[in-house]
Amino acid sequence: TTTPWTLPANTGICVHPDFDYLLLQTGSEKYVIAKGLLESVAAELGWTDWKVLKEFKGKDIERAVCRHPFFERDSLVINGRHVTLEAGTGCVHTA
């Protein structure tokens, strides 16, 4: 995000309904990333080994619940057509 100070206020995560997404595991961590951004995310984070656990469309995970990165509360996955594949993970945090 370009506004990291808003992360504590996160209440949702937007994914594009028509994009392909991957559930990945690297080490003990699991991540959801747009398939088209996997190479750039892996390079940016220095991943050399990961396993694809599942592939799905963004619309298939609408209303899924994710763990907030800092607090013990949930963040809801919602669809948003403003999400792009230009940079990042294909998941947009929503405060």
PDB file of N, CA and C in Angstrom:
ATOM      1  N   THR A   1       0.841  -1.186   0.000  1.00  0.00           N
ATOM      2  CA  THR A   1       0.000   0.000   0.000  1.00  0.00           C
ATOM      3  C   THR A   1       0.877   1.238   0.000  1.00  0.00           C
ATOM      4  N   THR A   2       0.383   2.297  -0.578  1.00  0.00           N
ATOM      5  CA  THR A   2       1.115   3.564  -0.581  1.00  0.00           C
ATOM      6  C   THR A   2       0.802   4.373   0.670  1.00  0.00           C
ATOM      7  N   THR A   3      -0.109   3.884   1.478  1.00  0.00           N
ATOM      8  CA  THR A   3      -0.485   4.570   2.719  1.00  0.00           C
ATOM      9  C   THR A   3      -0.414   3.583   3.892  1.00  0.00           C
ATOM     10  N   PRO A   4       0.796   3.170   4.287  1.00  0.00           N
ATOM     11  CA  PRO A   4       0.924   2.131   5.314  1.00  0.00           C
ATOM     12  C   PRO A   4       0.334   2.515   6.662  1.00  0.00           C
ATOM     13  N   TRP A   5       0.200   3.800   6.942  1.00  0.00           N
ATOM     14  CA  TRP A   5      -0.367   4.219   8.222  1.00  0.00           C
ATOM     15  C   TRP A   5      -1.851   3.871   8.331  1.00  0.00           C
ATOM     16  N   THR A   6      -2.487   3.501   7.215  1.00  0.00           N
ATOM     17  CA  THR A   6      -3.897   3.113   7.267  1.00  0.00           C
ATOM     18  C   THR A   6      -4.086   1.622   7.553  1.00  0.00           C
ATOM     19  N   LEU A   7      -3.019   0.838   7.548  1.00  0.00           N
ATOM     20  CA  LEU A   7      -3.155  -0.610   7.758  1.00  0.00           C
ATOM     21  C   LEU A   7      -3.832  -0.985   9.076  1.00  0.00           C
ATOM     22  N   PRO A   8      -3.571  -0.287  10.182  1.00  0.00           N
ATOM     23  CA  PRO A   8      -4.292  -0.651  11.406  1.00  0.00           C
ATOM     24  C   PRO A   8      -5.810  -0.519  11.283  1.00  0.00           C
ATOM     25  N   ALA A   9      -6.284   0.355  10.399  1.00  0.00           N
ATOM     26  CA  ALA A   9      -7.724   0.555  10.226  1.00  0.00           C
ATOM     27  C   ALA A   9      -8.337  -0.418   9.218  1.00  0.00           C
ATOM     28  N   ASN A  10      -7.541  -1.332   8.683  1.00  0.00           N
ATOM     29  CA  ASN A  10      -8.021  -2.265   7.665  1.00  0.00           C
ATOM     30  C   ASN A  10      -9.258  -3.021   8.119  1.00  0.00           C
ATOM     31  N   THR A  11     -10.273  -3.018   7.260  1.00  0.00           N
ATOM     32  CA  THR A  11     -11.488  -3.795   7.533  1.00  0.00           C
ATOM     33  C   THR A  11     -11.818  -4.745   6.394  1.00  0.00           C
ATOM     34  N   GLY A  12     -11.111  -4.621   5.280  1.00  0.00           N
ATOM     35  CA  GLY A  12     -11.405  -5.486   4.147  1.00  0.00           C
ATOM     36  C   GLY A  12     -10.260  -5.559   3.164  1.00  0.00           C
ATOM     37  N   ILE A  13     -10.358  -6.536   2.279  1.00  0.00           N
ATOM     38  CA  ILE A  13      -9.368  -6.735   1.229  1.00  0.00           C
ATOM     39  C   ILE A  13     -10.133  -6.906  -0.075  1.00  0.00           C
ATOM     40  N   CYS A  14      -9.847  -6.043  -1.048  1.00  0.00           N
ATOM     41  CA  CYS A  14     -10.519  -6.128  -2.345  1.00  0.00           C
ATOM     42  C   CYS A  14      -9.707  -6.993  -3.304  1.00  0.00           C
ATOM     43  N   VAL A  15     -10.410  -7.848  -4.033  1.00  0.00           N
ATOM     44  CA  VAL A  15      -9.826  -8.627  -5.119  1.00  0.00           C
ATOM     45  C   VAL A  15     -10.710  -8.420  -6.346  1.00  0.00           C
ATOM     46  N   HIS A  16     -10.110  -8.503  -7.514  1.00  0.00           N
ATOM     47  CA  HIS A  16     -10.897  -8.335  -8.739  1.00  0.00           C
ATOM     48  C   HIS A  16     -11.669  -9.626  -9.001  1.00  0.00           C
ATOM     49  N   PRO A  17     -12.966  -9.541  -9.261  1.00  0.00           N
ATOM     50  CA  PRO A  17     -13.763 -10.760  -9.423  1.00  0.00           C
ATOM     51  C   PRO A  17     -13.337 -11.646 -10.593  1.00  0.00           C
ATOM     52  N   ASP A  18     -12.735 -11.052 -11.630  1.00  0.00           N
ATOM     53  CA  ASP A  18     -12.401 -11.816 -12.834  1.00  0.00           C
ATOM     54  C   ASP A  18     -10.949 -12.277 -12.911  1.00  0.00           C
ATOM     55  N   PHE A  19     -10.108 -11.843 -11.975  1.00  0.00           N
ATOM     56  CA  PHE A  19      -8.695 -12.236 -12.008  1.00  0.00           C
ATOM     57  C   PHE A  19      -8.510 -13.628 -11.424  1.00  0.00           C
ATOM     58  N   ASP A  20      -7.466 -14.310 -11.901  1.00  0.00           N
ATOM     59  CA  ASP A  20      -7.069 -15.594 -11.332  1.00  0.00           C
ATOM     60  C   ASP A  20      -6.154 -15.330 -10.142  1.00  0.00           C
ATOM     61  N   TYR A  21      -6.413 -16.014  -9.047  1.00  0.00           N
ATOM     62  CA  TYR A  21      -5.625 -15.883  -7.824  1.00  0.00           C
ATOM     63  C   TYR A  21      -5.067 -17.238  -7.426  1.00  0.00           C
ATOM     64  N   LEU A  22      -3.976 -17.196  -6.669  1.00  0.00           N
ATOM     65  CA  LEU A  22      -3.342 -18.403  -6.158  1.00  0.00           C
ATOM     66  C   LEU A  22      -3.263 -18.341  -4.646  1.00  0.00           C
ATOM     67  N   LEU A  23      -3.513 -19.457  -4.003  1.00  0.00           N
ATOM     68  CA  LEU A  23      -3.187 -19.621  -2.590  1.00  0.00           C
ATOM     69  C   LEU A  23      -1.852 -20.333  -2.578  1.00  0.00           C
ATOM     70  N   LEU A  24      -0.840 -19.662  -2.033  1.00  0.00           N
ATOM     71  CA  LEU A  24       0.528 -20.180  -2.028  1.00  0.00           C
ATOM     72  C   LEU A  24       0.990 -20.462  -0.618  1.00  0.00           C
ATOM     73  N   GLN A  25       1.929 -21.375  -0.510  1.00  0.00           N
ATOM     74  CA  GLN A  25       2.613 -21.579   0.763  1.00  0.00           C
ATOM     75  C   GLN A  25       4.101 -21.450   0.507  1.00  0.00           C
ATOM     76  N   THR A  26       4.748 -20.651   1.333  1.00  0.00           N
ATOM     77  CA  THR A  26       6.194 -20.551   1.322  1.00  0.00           C
ATOM     78  C   THR A  26       6.632 -20.640   2.775  1.00  0.00           C
ATOM     79  N   GLY A  27       7.406 -21.652   3.091  1.00  0.00           N
ATOM     80  CA  GLY A  27       7.727 -21.918   4.493  1.00  0.00           C
ATOM     81  C   GLY A  27       6.452 -22.269   5.233  1.00  0.00           C
ATOM     82  N   SER A  28       6.233 -21.627   6.366  1.00  0.00           N
ATOM     83  CA  SER A  28       5.017 -21.895   7.148  1.00  0.00           C
ATOM     84  C   SER A  28       3.909 -20.880   6.872  1.00  0.00           C
ATOM     85  N   GLU A  29       4.162 -19.922   5.997  1.00  0.00           N
ATOM     86  CA  GLU A  29       3.195 -18.862   5.706  1.00  0.00           C
ATOM     87  C   GLU A  29       2.394 -19.163   4.444  1.00  0.00           C
ATOM     88  N   LYS A  30       1.139 -18.691   4.434  1.00  0.00           N
ATOM     89  CA  LYS A  30       0.278 -18.818   3.260  1.00  0.00           C
ATOM     90  C   LYS A  30      -0.128 -17.423   2.788  1.00  0.00           C
ATOM     91  N   TYR A  31      -0.216 -17.268   1.465  1.00  0.00           N
ATOM     92  CA  TYR A  31      -0.535 -15.979   0.861  1.00  0.00           C
ATOM     93  C   TYR A  31      -1.519 -16.161  -0.287  1.00  0.00           C
ATOM     94  N   VAL A  32      -2.341 -15.151  -0.533  1.00  0.00           N
ATOM     95  CA  VAL A  32      -3.185 -15.089  -1.723  1.00  0.00           C
ATOM     96  C   VAL A  32      -2.622 -13.974  -2.598  1.00  0.00           C
ATOM     97  N   ILE A  33      -2.318 -14.326  -3.849  1.00  0.00           N
ATOM     98  CA  ILE A  33      -1.695 -13.395  -4.785  1.00  0.00           C
ATOM     99  C   ILE A  33      -2.328 -13.597  -6.157  1.00  0.00           C
ATOM    100  N   ALA A  34      -2.510 -12.511  -6.887  1.00  0.00           N
ATOM    101  CA  ALA A  34      -2.986 -12.629  -8.266  1.00  0.00           C
ATOM    102  C   ALA A  34      -1.960 -13.419  -9.072  1.00  0.00           C
ATOM    103  N   LYS A  35      -2.435 -14.371  -9.828  1.00  0.00           N
ATOM    104  CA  LYS A  35      -1.551 -15.247 -10.596  1.00  0.00           C
ATOM    105  C   LYS A  35      -0.617 -14.455 -11.505  1.00  0.00           C
ATOM    106  N   GLY A  36      -1.129 -13.411 -12.122  1.00  0.00           N
ATOM    107  CA  GLY A  36      -0.330 -12.606 -13.033  1.00  0.00           C
ATOM    108  C   GLY A  36       0.772 -11.800 -12.367  1.00  0.00           C
ATOM    109  N   LEU A  37       0.774 -11.743 -11.045  1.00  0.00           N
ATOM    110  CA  LEU A  37       1.788 -10.976 -10.315  1.00  0.00           C
ATOM    111  C   LEU A  37       2.747 -11.861  -9.523  1.00  0.00           C
ATOM    112  N   LEU A  38       2.602 -13.167  -9.645  1.00  0.00           N
ATOM    113  CA  LEU A  38       3.430 -14.075  -8.853  1.00  0.00           C
ATOM    114  C   LEU A  38       4.922 -13.843  -9.061  1.00  0.00           C
ATOM    115  N   GLU A  39       5.360 -13.753 -10.297  1.00  0.00           N
ATOM    116  CA  GLU A  39       6.797 -13.596 -10.575  1.00  0.00           C
ATOM    117  C   GLU A  39       7.363 -12.333  -9.932  1.00  0.00           C
ATOM    118  N   SER A  40       6.654 -11.219 -10.069  1.00  0.00           N
ATOM    119  CA  SER A  40       7.172  -9.962  -9.509  1.00  0.00           C
ATOM    120  C   SER A  40       7.141  -9.973  -7.985  1.00  0.00           C
ATOM    121  N   VAL A  41       6.100 -10.559  -7.386  1.00  0.00           N
ATOM    122  CA  VAL A  41       6.026 -10.638  -5.921  1.00  0.00           C
ATOM    123  C   VAL A  41       7.136 -11.540  -5.396  1.00  0.00           C
ATOM    124  N   ALA A  42       7.334 -12.691  -6.032  1.00  0.00           N
ATOM    125  CA  ALA A  42       8.383 -13.621  -5.600  1.00  0.00           C
ATOM    126  C   ALA A  42       9.757 -12.961  -5.680  1.00  0.00           C
ATOM    127  N   ALA A  43      10.012 -12.228  -6.745  1.00  0.00           N
ATOM    128  CA  ALA A  43      11.299 -11.537  -6.889  1.00  0.00           C
ATOM    129  C   ALA A  43      11.461 -10.459  -5.825  1.00  0.00           C
ATOM    130  N   GLU A  44      10.415  -9.688  -5.600  1.00  0.00           N
ATOM    131  CA  GLU A  44      10.464  -8.599  -4.614  1.00  0.00           C
ATOM    132  C   GLU A  44      10.709  -9.122  -3.206  1.00  0.00           C
ATOM    133  N   LEU A  45      10.096 -10.265  -2.873  1.00  0.00           N
ATOM    134  CA  LEU A  45      10.215 -10.812  -1.518  1.00  0.00           C
ATOM    135  C   LEU A  45      11.345 -11.825  -1.376  1.00  0.00           C
ATOM    136  N   GLY A  46      12.031 -12.109  -2.470  1.00  0.00           N
ATOM    137  CA  GLY A  46      13.151 -13.041  -2.415  1.00  0.00           C
ATOM    138  C   GLY A  46      12.746 -14.497  -2.257  1.00  0.00           C
ATOM    139  N   TRP A  47      11.519 -14.819  -2.670  1.00  0.00           N
ATOM    140  CA  TRP A  47      11.078 -16.214  -2.591  1.00  0.00           C
ATOM    141  C   TRP A  47      11.790 -17.025  -3.660  1.00  0.00           C
ATOM    142  N   THR A  48      12.298 -18.176  -3.267  1.00  0.00           N
ATOM    143  CA  THR A  48      12.902 -19.090  -4.230  1.00  0.00           C
ATOM    144  C   THR A  48      12.131 -20.397  -4.303  1.00  0.00           C
ATOM    145  N   ASP A  49      11.273 -20.626  -3.324  1.00  0.00           N
ATOM    146  CA  ASP A  49      10.524 -21.876  -3.278  1.00  0.00           C
ATOM    147  C   ASP A  49       9.131 -21.611  -2.725  1.00  0.00           C
ATOM    148  N   TRP A  50       8.116 -22.051  -3.439  1.00  0.00           N
ATOM    149  CA  TRP A  50       6.736 -21.934  -2.973  1.00  0.00           C
ATOM    150  C   TRP A  50       5.934 -23.079  -3.577  1.00  0.00           C
ATOM    151  N   LYS A  51       4.794 -23.310  -2.979  1.00  0.00           N
ATOM    152  CA  LYS A  51       3.895 -24.366  -3.449  1.00  0.00           C
ATOM    153  C   LYS A  51       2.523 -23.748  -3.689  1.00  0.00           C
ATOM    154  N   VAL A  52       1.948 -24.005  -4.856  1.00  0.00           N
ATOM    155  CA  VAL A  52       0.592 -23.547  -5.147  1.00  0.00           C
ATOM    156  C   VAL A  52      -0.379 -24.549  -4.529  1.00  0.00           C
ATOM    157  N   LEU A  53      -1.187 -24.073  -3.585  1.00  0.00           N
ATOM    158  CA  LEU A  53      -2.153 -24.933  -2.911  1.00  0.00           C
ATOM    159  C   LEU A  53      -3.499 -24.955  -3.624  1.00  0.00           C
ATOM    160  N   LYS A  54      -3.842 -23.821  -4.255  1.00  0.00           N
ATOM    161  CA  LYS A  54      -5.155 -23.729  -4.901  1.00  0.00           C
ATOM    162  C   LYS A  54      -5.147 -22.563  -5.882  1.00  0.00           C
ATOM    163  N   GLU A  55      -5.961 -22.665  -6.930  1.00  0.00           N
ATOM    164  CA  GLU A  55      -6.156 -21.575  -7.889  1.00  0.00           C
ATOM    165  C   GLU A  55      -7.650 -21.305  -7.997  1.00  0.00           C
ATOM    166  N   PHE A  56      -8.029 -20.023  -8.086  1.00  0.00           N
ATOM    167  CA  PHE A  56      -9.445 -19.657  -8.098  1.00  0.00           C
ATOM    168  C   PHE A  56      -9.606 -18.253  -8.661  1.00  0.00           C
ATOM    169  N   LYS A  57     -10.817 -17.891  -8.999  1.00  0.00           N
ATOM    170  CA  LYS A  57     -11.161 -16.535  -9.427  1.00  0.00           C
ATOM    171  C   LYS A  57     -11.431 -15.685  -8.188  1.00  0.00           C
ATOM    172  N   GLY A  58     -11.222 -14.393  -8.312  1.00  0.00           N
ATOM    173  CA  GLY A  58     -11.511 -13.491  -7.204  1.00  0.00           C
ATOM    174  C   GLY A  58     -12.952 -13.594  -6.731  1.00  0.00           C
ATOM    175  N   LYS A  59     -13.879 -13.762  -7.667  1.00  0.00           N
ATOM    176  CA  LYS A  59     -15.296 -13.860  -7.284  1.00  0.00           C
ATOM    177  C   LYS A  59     -15.570 -15.076  -6.408  1.00  0.00           C
ATOM    178  N   ASP A  60     -14.706 -16.082  -6.478  1.00  0.00           N
ATOM    179  CA  ASP A  60     -14.912 -17.303  -5.691  1.00  0.00           C
ATOM    180  C   ASP A  60     -14.550 -17.142  -4.216  1.00  0.00           C
ATOM    181  N   ILE A  61     -13.813 -16.084  -3.892  1.00  0.00           N
ATOM    182  CA  ILE A  61     -13.440 -15.894  -2.479  1.00  0.00           C
ATOM    183  C   ILE A  61     -14.115 -14.676  -1.854  1.00  0.00           C
ATOM    184  N   GLU A  62     -15.054 -14.076  -2.582  1.00  0.00           N
ATOM    185  CA  GLU A  62     -15.795 -12.956  -1.998  1.00  0.00           C
ATOM    186  C   GLU A  62     -16.460 -13.411  -0.705  1.00  0.00           C
ATOM    187  N   ARG A  63     -16.332 -12.603   0.322  1.00  0.00           N
ATOM    188  CA  ARG A  63     -16.876 -12.839   1.663  1.00  0.00           C
ATOM    189  C   ARG A  63     -16.038 -13.824   2.485  1.00  0.00           C
ATOM    190  N   ALA A  64     -14.882 -14.236   1.949  1.00  0.00           N
ATOM    191  CA  ALA A  64     -13.960 -15.031   2.769  1.00  0.00           C
ATOM    192  C   ALA A  64     -13.438 -14.134   3.887  1.00  0.00           C
ATOM    193  N   VAL A  65     -12.991 -14.729   4.944  1.00  0.00           N
ATOM    194  CA  VAL A  65     -12.499 -13.973   6.097  1.00  0.00           C
ATOM    195  C   VAL A  65     -11.006 -14.239   6.257  1.00  0.00           C
ATOM    196  N   CYS A  66     -10.238 -13.154   6.404  1.00  0.00           N
ATOM    197  CA  CYS A  66      -8.789 -13.240   6.589  1.00  0.00           C
ATOM    198  C   CYS A  66      -8.409 -12.678   7.950  1.00  0.00           C
ATOM    199  N   ARG A  67      -7.284 -13.101   8.438  1.00  0.00           N
ATOM    200  CA  ARG A  67      -6.760 -12.588   9.698  1.00  0.00           C
ATOM    201  C   ARG A  67      -6.121 -11.218   9.450  1.00  0.00           C
ATOM    202  N   HIS A  68      -6.448 -10.257  10.296  1.00  0.00           N
ATOM    203  CA  HIS A  68      -5.820  -8.938  10.214  1.00  0.00           C
ATOM    204  C   HIS A  68      -4.329  -9.111  10.493  1.00  0.00           C
ATOM    205  N   PRO A  69      -3.457  -8.380   9.785  1.00  0.00           N
ATOM    206  CA  PRO A  69      -2.018  -8.586   9.971  1.00  0.00           C
ATOM    207  C   PRO A  69      -1.464  -8.146  11.327  1.00  0.00           C
ATOM    208  N   PHE A  70      -2.154  -7.264  12.036  1.00  0.00           N
ATOM    209  CA  PHE A  70      -1.618  -6.748  13.298  1.00  0.00           C
ATOM    210  C   PHE A  70      -2.469  -7.044  14.511  1.00  0.00           C
ATOM    211  N   PHE A  71      -3.773  -7.143  14.324  1.00  0.00           N
ATOM    212  CA  PHE A  71      -4.687  -7.247  15.459  1.00  0.00           C
ATOM    213  C   PHE A  71      -5.497  -8.536  15.391  1.00  0.00           C
ATOM    214  N   GLU A  72      -6.053  -8.910  16.500  1.00  0.00           N
ATOM    215  CA  GLU A  72      -6.895 -10.100  16.542  1.00  0.00           C
ATOM    216  C   GLU A  72      -8.320  -9.732  16.135  1.00  0.00           C
ATOM    217  N   ARG A  73      -8.473  -9.481  14.854  1.00  0.00           N
ATOM    218  CA  ARG A  73      -9.789  -9.241  14.273  1.00  0.00           C
ATOM    219  C   ARG A  73      -9.732  -9.669  12.812  1.00  0.00           C
ATOM    220  N   ASP A  74     -10.880  -9.797  12.221  1.00  0.00           N
ATOM    221  CA  ASP A  74     -10.970 -10.304  10.857  1.00  0.00           C
ATOM    222  C   ASP A  74     -11.075  -9.181   9.837  1.00  0.00           C
ATOM    223  N   SER A  75     -10.653  -9.490   8.616  1.00  0.00           N
ATOM    224  CA  SER A  75     -10.826  -8.610   7.461  1.00  0.00           C
ATOM    225  C   SER A  75     -11.588  -9.401   6.405  1.00  0.00           C
ATOM    226  N   LEU A  76     -12.622  -8.812   5.863  1.00  0.00           N
ATOM    227  CA  LEU A  76     -13.488  -9.469   4.894  1.00  0.00           C
ATOM    228  C   LEU A  76     -12.969  -9.253   3.474  1.00  0.00           C
ATOM    229  N   VAL A  77     -12.993 -10.294   2.655  1.00  0.00           N
ATOM    230  CA  VAL A  77     -12.627 -10.172   1.243  1.00  0.00           C
ATOM    231  C   VAL A  77     -13.864  -9.720   0.469  1.00  0.00           C
ATOM    232  N   ILE A  78     -13.701  -8.652  -0.313  1.00  0.00           N
ATOM    233  CA  ILE A  78     -14.789  -8.139  -1.140  1.00  0.00           C
ATOM    234  C   ILE A  78     -14.279  -7.946  -2.567  1.00  0.00           C
ATOM    235  N   ASN A  79     -15.169  -7.956  -3.523  1.00  0.00           N
ATOM    236  CA  ASN A  79     -14.783  -7.758  -4.917  1.00  0.00           C
ATOM    237  C   ASN A  79     -14.734  -6.275  -5.242  1.00  0.00           C
ATOM    238  N   GLY A  80     -13.772  -5.910  -6.080  1.00  0.00           N
ATOM    239  CA  GLY A  80     -13.643  -4.529  -6.515  1.00  0.00           C
ATOM    240  C   GLY A  80     -13.004  -4.466  -7.890  1.00  0.00           C
ATOM    241  N   ARG A  81     -13.664  -3.817  -8.804  1.00  0.00           N
ATOM    242  CA  ARG A  81     -13.132  -3.722 -10.166  1.00  0.00           C
ATOM    243  C   ARG A  81     -12.025  -2.675 -10.292  1.00  0.00           C
ATOM    244  N   HIS A  82     -11.734  -1.958  -9.223  1.00  0.00           N
ATOM    245  CA  HIS A  82     -10.632  -0.994  -9.234  1.00  0.00           C
ATOM    246  C   HIS A  82      -9.280  -1.676  -9.038  1.00  0.00           C
ATOM    247  N   VAL A  83      -9.275  -2.949  -8.666  1.00  0.00           N
ATOM    248  CA  VAL A  83      -8.033  -3.698  -8.460  1.00  0.00           C
ATOM    249  C   VAL A  83      -7.392  -3.945  -9.824  1.00  0.00           C
ATOM    250  N   THR A  84      -6.072  -3.736  -9.917  1.00  0.00           N
ATOM    251  CA  THR A  84      -5.358  -3.914 -11.186  1.00  0.00           C
ATOM    252  C   THR A  84      -4.219  -4.921 -11.016  1.00  0.00           C
ATOM    253  N   LEU A  85      -3.611  -5.261 -12.135  1.00  0.00           N
ATOM    254  CA  LEU A  85      -2.428  -6.127 -12.146  1.00  0.00           C
ATOM    255  C   LEU A  85      -1.176  -5.328 -12.483  1.00  0.00           C
ATOM    256  N   GLU A  86      -1.220  -4.031 -12.251  1.00  0.00           N
ATOM    257  CA  GLU A  86      -0.089  -3.177 -12.593  1.00  0.00           C
ATOM    258  C   GLU A  86       1.055  -3.286 -11.599  1.00  0.00           C
ATOM    259  N   ALA A  87       0.758  -3.563 -10.334  1.00  0.00           N
ATOM    260  CA  ALA A  87       1.792  -3.652  -9.300  1.00  0.00           C
ATOM    261  C   ALA A  87       1.193  -4.313  -8.072  1.00  0.00           C
ATOM    262  N   GLY A  88       2.052  -4.706  -7.158  1.00  0.00           N
ATOM    263  CA  GLY A  88       1.584  -5.268  -5.895  1.00  0.00           C
ATOM    264  C   GLY A  88       1.186  -6.726  -6.008  1.00  0.00           C
ATOM    265  N   THR A  89       0.149  -7.101  -5.267  1.00  0.00           N
ATOM    266  CA  THR A  89      -0.267  -8.499  -5.166  1.00  0.00           C
ATOM    267  C   THR A  89      -1.595  -8.799  -5.851  1.00  0.00           C
ATOM    268  N   GLY A  90      -2.308  -7.766  -6.286  1.00  0.00           N
ATOM    269  CA  GLY A  90      -3.647  -7.973  -6.831  1.00  0.00           C
ATOM    270  C   GLY A  90      -4.707  -7.999  -5.746  1.00  0.00           C
ATOM    271  N   CYS A  91      -4.293  -7.668  -4.530  1.00  0.00           N
ATOM    272  CA  CYS A  91      -5.192  -7.561  -3.376  1.00  0.00           C
ATOM    273  C   CYS A  91      -5.015  -6.152  -2.816  1.00  0.00           C
ATOM    274  N   VAL A  92      -6.106  -5.434  -2.643  1.00  0.00           N
ATOM    275  CA  VAL A  92      -6.034  -4.040  -2.200  1.00  0.00           C
ATOM    276  C   VAL A  92      -6.667  -3.906  -0.827  1.00  0.00           C
ATOM    277  N   HIS A  93      -5.881  -3.437   0.121  1.00  0.00           N
ATOM    278  CA  HIS A  93      -6.403  -3.264   1.483  1.00  0.00           C
ATOM    279  C   HIS A  93      -7.390  -2.108   1.514  1.00  0.00           C
ATOM    280  N   THR A  94      -8.421  -2.275   2.314  1.00  0.00           N
ATOM    281  CA  THR A  94      -9.496  -1.293   2.408  1.00  0.00           C
ATOM    282  C   THR A  94      -9.723  -0.932   3.865  1.00  0.00           C
ATOM    283  N   ALA A  95      -9.618   0.356   4.165  1.00  0.00           N
ATOM    284  CA  ALA A  95      -9.798   0.801   5.552  1.00  0.00           C
ATOM    285  C   ALA A  95     -11.229   1.241   5.766  1.00  0.00           C
TER     286      ALA A  95
END
